[in-house]
Each structure stands twice: as C-alpha cells, then as structure tokens.
Amino acid sequence: MSRMATGFKEQAHQLVDSLPETAGWEELAETVELILDIEAGLADSAAGRVTPHEEVLREFGVQQ
C-alpha cells in the first residue's frame, strides 16, 4: 500500500480491503497501531532522534 500517493480515506479503505475476511476490530486496531508506530519511528529517524547501534549494544551488555 503506497501511503504517500493517496489520501487518508483511500489509505483506510486499502487497509480494510487488505485484511483477511475473518479480521475483526482488534486486528484492524493492531494494524493501525503498527502503521502509526512505524511512521513515528521514521519521523524520529528523519529528525535525527536515533541511538547508534553500538550504544544500544553497550546498554544491553552485548559484546561483538
């Protein structure tokens, strides 16, 4: 689904159409939450609000 090429309502229709026929409100809500989390992460990355890989490894005590 190309989120940049369409408006919100079209994106919403595409999302609902992409779900399995057996999907319910919970699956729809989880998918919307996932999309919002990804968009927030991309915005953080674009704004430079990131933690270097090496620092994360250090924080978790992972040796490379």
N, C-alpha and C. Protein backbone atom coordinates (compact mmCIF):
# COMPACT_ATOMS: atom_id res chain seq x y z
N MET A 1 0.85 -1.18 0.00
CA MET A 1 0.00 0.00 0.00
C MET A 1 0.89 1.24 0.00
N SER A 2 0.77 2.07 -1.00
CA SER A 2 1.56 3.30 -1.08
C SER A 2 0.86 4.40 -0.31
N ARG A 3 1.40 4.72 0.88
CA ARG A 3 0.74 5.66 1.77
C ARG A 3 0.90 7.11 1.30
N MET A 4 1.96 7.39 0.54
CA MET A 4 2.20 8.77 0.13
C MET A 4 1.34 9.16 -1.08
N ALA A 5 0.91 8.20 -1.87
CA ALA A 5 0.24 8.50 -3.13
C ALA A 5 -1.25 8.75 -2.97
N THR A 6 -1.81 8.45 -1.80
CA THR A 6 -3.26 8.57 -1.64
C THR A 6 -3.59 9.34 -0.38
N GLY A 7 -4.84 9.78 -0.30
CA GLY A 7 -5.30 10.48 0.88
C GLY A 7 -5.66 9.50 1.99
N PHE A 8 -5.97 10.06 3.15
CA PHE A 8 -6.26 9.25 4.32
C PHE A 8 -7.40 8.27 4.09
N LYS A 9 -8.51 8.75 3.54
CA LYS A 9 -9.66 7.87 3.37
C LYS A 9 -9.34 6.72 2.43
N GLU A 10 -8.62 6.99 1.37
CA GLU A 10 -8.24 5.94 0.43
C GLU A 10 -7.31 4.94 1.12
N GLN A 11 -6.38 5.44 1.94
CA GLN A 11 -5.49 4.55 2.68
C GLN A 11 -6.29 3.66 3.63
N ALA A 12 -7.27 4.24 4.30
CA ALA A 12 -8.11 3.48 5.23
C ALA A 12 -8.86 2.38 4.48
N HIS A 13 -9.42 2.72 3.33
CA HIS A 13 -10.11 1.71 2.52
C HIS A 13 -9.16 0.60 2.09
N GLN A 14 -7.97 0.97 1.65
CA GLN A 14 -6.99 -0.03 1.23
C GLN A 14 -6.59 -0.94 2.39
N LEU A 15 -6.43 -0.35 3.57
CA LEU A 15 -6.08 -1.14 4.74
C LEU A 15 -7.16 -2.16 5.05
N VAL A 16 -8.40 -1.71 5.11
CA VAL A 16 -9.51 -2.62 5.41
C VAL A 16 -9.59 -3.70 4.33
N ASP A 17 -9.44 -3.32 3.08
CA ASP A 17 -9.50 -4.30 1.99
C ASP A 17 -8.36 -5.31 2.05
N SER A 18 -7.23 -4.93 2.63
CA SER A 18 -6.07 -5.83 2.68
C SER A 18 -6.17 -6.85 3.81
N LEU A 19 -7.05 -6.63 4.77
CA LEU A 19 -7.20 -7.55 5.89
C LEU A 19 -7.94 -8.82 5.45
N PRO A 20 -7.67 -9.92 6.12
CA PRO A 20 -8.40 -11.16 5.80
C PRO A 20 -9.90 -10.98 6.09
N GLU A 21 -10.72 -11.76 5.42
CA GLU A 21 -12.17 -11.68 5.62
C GLU A 21 -12.56 -11.96 7.07
N THR A 22 -11.74 -12.72 7.77
CA THR A 22 -12.05 -13.09 9.15
C THR A 22 -11.58 -12.05 10.17
N ALA A 23 -10.94 -10.99 9.71
CA ALA A 23 -10.40 -9.97 10.62
C ALA A 23 -11.52 -9.26 11.34
N GLY A 24 -11.21 -8.86 12.56
CA GLY A 24 -12.16 -8.09 13.35
C GLY A 24 -11.57 -6.76 13.75
N TRP A 25 -12.27 -6.08 14.67
CA TRP A 25 -11.83 -4.76 15.11
C TRP A 25 -10.44 -4.80 15.74
N GLU A 26 -10.16 -5.87 16.50
CA GLU A 26 -8.87 -5.95 17.18
C GLU A 26 -7.72 -6.01 16.17
N GLU A 27 -7.86 -6.81 15.13
CA GLU A 27 -6.81 -6.89 14.11
C GLU A 27 -6.66 -5.56 13.37
N LEU A 28 -7.78 -4.91 13.10
CA LEU A 28 -7.71 -3.60 12.45
C LEU A 28 -6.97 -2.61 13.35
N ALA A 29 -7.31 -2.58 14.65
CA ALA A 29 -6.66 -1.66 15.58
C ALA A 29 -5.17 -1.95 15.70
N GLU A 30 -4.80 -3.23 15.75
CA GLU A 30 -3.39 -3.60 15.84
C GLU A 30 -2.62 -3.15 14.60
N THR A 31 -3.24 -3.29 13.44
CA THR A 31 -2.59 -2.89 12.19
C THR A 31 -2.42 -1.38 12.14
N VAL A 32 -3.43 -0.65 12.55
CA VAL A 32 -3.34 0.82 12.59
C VAL A 32 -2.24 1.24 13.56
N GLU A 33 -2.19 0.61 14.74
CA GLU A 33 -1.16 0.94 15.72
C GLU A 33 0.24 0.67 15.16
N LEU A 34 0.40 -0.45 14.45
CA LEU A 34 1.68 -0.77 13.84
C LEU A 34 2.08 0.30 12.83
N ILE A 35 1.16 0.71 11.99
CA ILE A 35 1.44 1.74 10.98
C ILE A 35 1.85 3.05 11.67
N LEU A 36 1.13 3.44 12.72
CA LEU A 36 1.47 4.68 13.43
C LEU A 36 2.83 4.58 14.09
N ASP A 37 3.15 3.42 14.66
CA ASP A 37 4.47 3.23 15.28
C ASP A 37 5.59 3.34 14.24
N ILE A 38 5.38 2.73 13.09
CA ILE A 38 6.39 2.80 12.02
C ILE A 38 6.56 4.24 11.55
N GLU A 39 5.45 4.94 11.35
CA GLU A 39 5.54 6.34 10.91
C GLU A 39 6.26 7.20 11.96
N ALA A 40 6.00 6.95 13.24
CA ALA A 40 6.68 7.71 14.30
C ALA A 40 8.17 7.40 14.29
N GLY A 41 8.53 6.14 14.09
CA GLY A 41 9.94 5.76 14.02
C GLY A 41 10.65 6.40 12.84
N LEU A 42 9.98 6.43 11.71
CA LEU A 42 10.57 7.07 10.52
C LEU A 42 10.75 8.57 10.75
N ALA A 43 9.78 9.19 11.41
CA ALA A 43 9.90 10.62 11.71
C ALA A 43 11.05 10.87 12.68
N ASP A 44 11.20 10.01 13.69
CA ASP A 44 12.32 10.15 14.63
C ASP A 44 13.65 10.01 13.89
N SER A 45 13.72 9.04 13.02
CA SER A 45 14.95 8.82 12.26
C SER A 45 15.27 10.03 11.38
N ALA A 46 14.27 10.54 10.69
CA ALA A 46 14.47 11.69 9.81
C ALA A 46 14.91 12.93 10.60
N ALA A 47 14.45 13.03 11.85
CA ALA A 47 14.79 14.18 12.69
C ALA A 47 16.09 13.96 13.46
N GLY A 48 16.72 12.82 13.26
CA GLY A 48 17.98 12.55 13.93
C GLY A 48 17.83 12.07 15.36
N ARG A 49 16.62 11.71 15.77
CA ARG A 49 16.39 11.21 17.13
C ARG A 49 16.59 9.69 17.14
N VAL A 50 17.85 9.30 17.04
CA VAL A 50 18.20 7.89 16.98
C VAL A 50 19.33 7.59 17.96
N THR A 51 19.48 6.31 18.29
CA THR A 51 20.56 5.87 19.15
C THR A 51 21.47 4.98 18.31
N PRO A 52 22.77 5.28 18.27
CA PRO A 52 23.68 4.45 17.47
C PRO A 52 23.64 2.99 17.93
N HIS A 53 23.79 2.09 16.98
CA HIS A 53 23.76 0.65 17.20
C HIS A 53 24.73 0.23 18.30
N GLU A 54 25.93 0.76 18.25
CA GLU A 54 26.95 0.41 19.23
C GLU A 54 26.53 0.79 20.65
N GLU A 55 25.87 1.93 20.80
CA GLU A 55 25.41 2.37 22.12
C GLU A 55 24.32 1.45 22.66
N VAL A 56 23.43 1.02 21.81
CA VAL A 56 22.38 0.08 22.23
C VAL A 56 23.00 -1.22 22.69
N LEU A 57 23.97 -1.72 21.95
CA LEU A 57 24.65 -2.95 22.34
C LEU A 57 25.31 -2.79 23.71
N ARG A 58 25.98 -1.65 23.92
CA ARG A 58 26.63 -1.38 25.20
C ARG A 58 25.60 -1.35 26.34
N GLU A 59 24.49 -0.65 26.12
CA GLU A 59 23.46 -0.54 27.14
C GLU A 59 22.92 -1.90 27.57
N PHE A 60 22.85 -2.84 26.62
CA PHE A 60 22.32 -4.17 26.91
C PHE A 60 23.41 -5.18 27.22
N GLY A 61 24.65 -4.71 27.29
CA GLY A 61 25.77 -5.57 27.64
C GLY A 61 26.09 -6.64 26.60
N VAL A 62 25.84 -6.31 25.35
CA VAL A 62 26.10 -7.26 24.27
C VAL A 62 27.50 -7.02 23.72
N GLN A 63 28.29 -8.07 23.67
CA GLN A 63 29.66 -7.99 23.14
C GLN A 63 29.63 -8.36 21.67
N GLN A 64 30.41 -7.66 20.87
CA GLN A 64 30.51 -8.01 19.44
C GLN A 64 31.87 -8.52 19.13
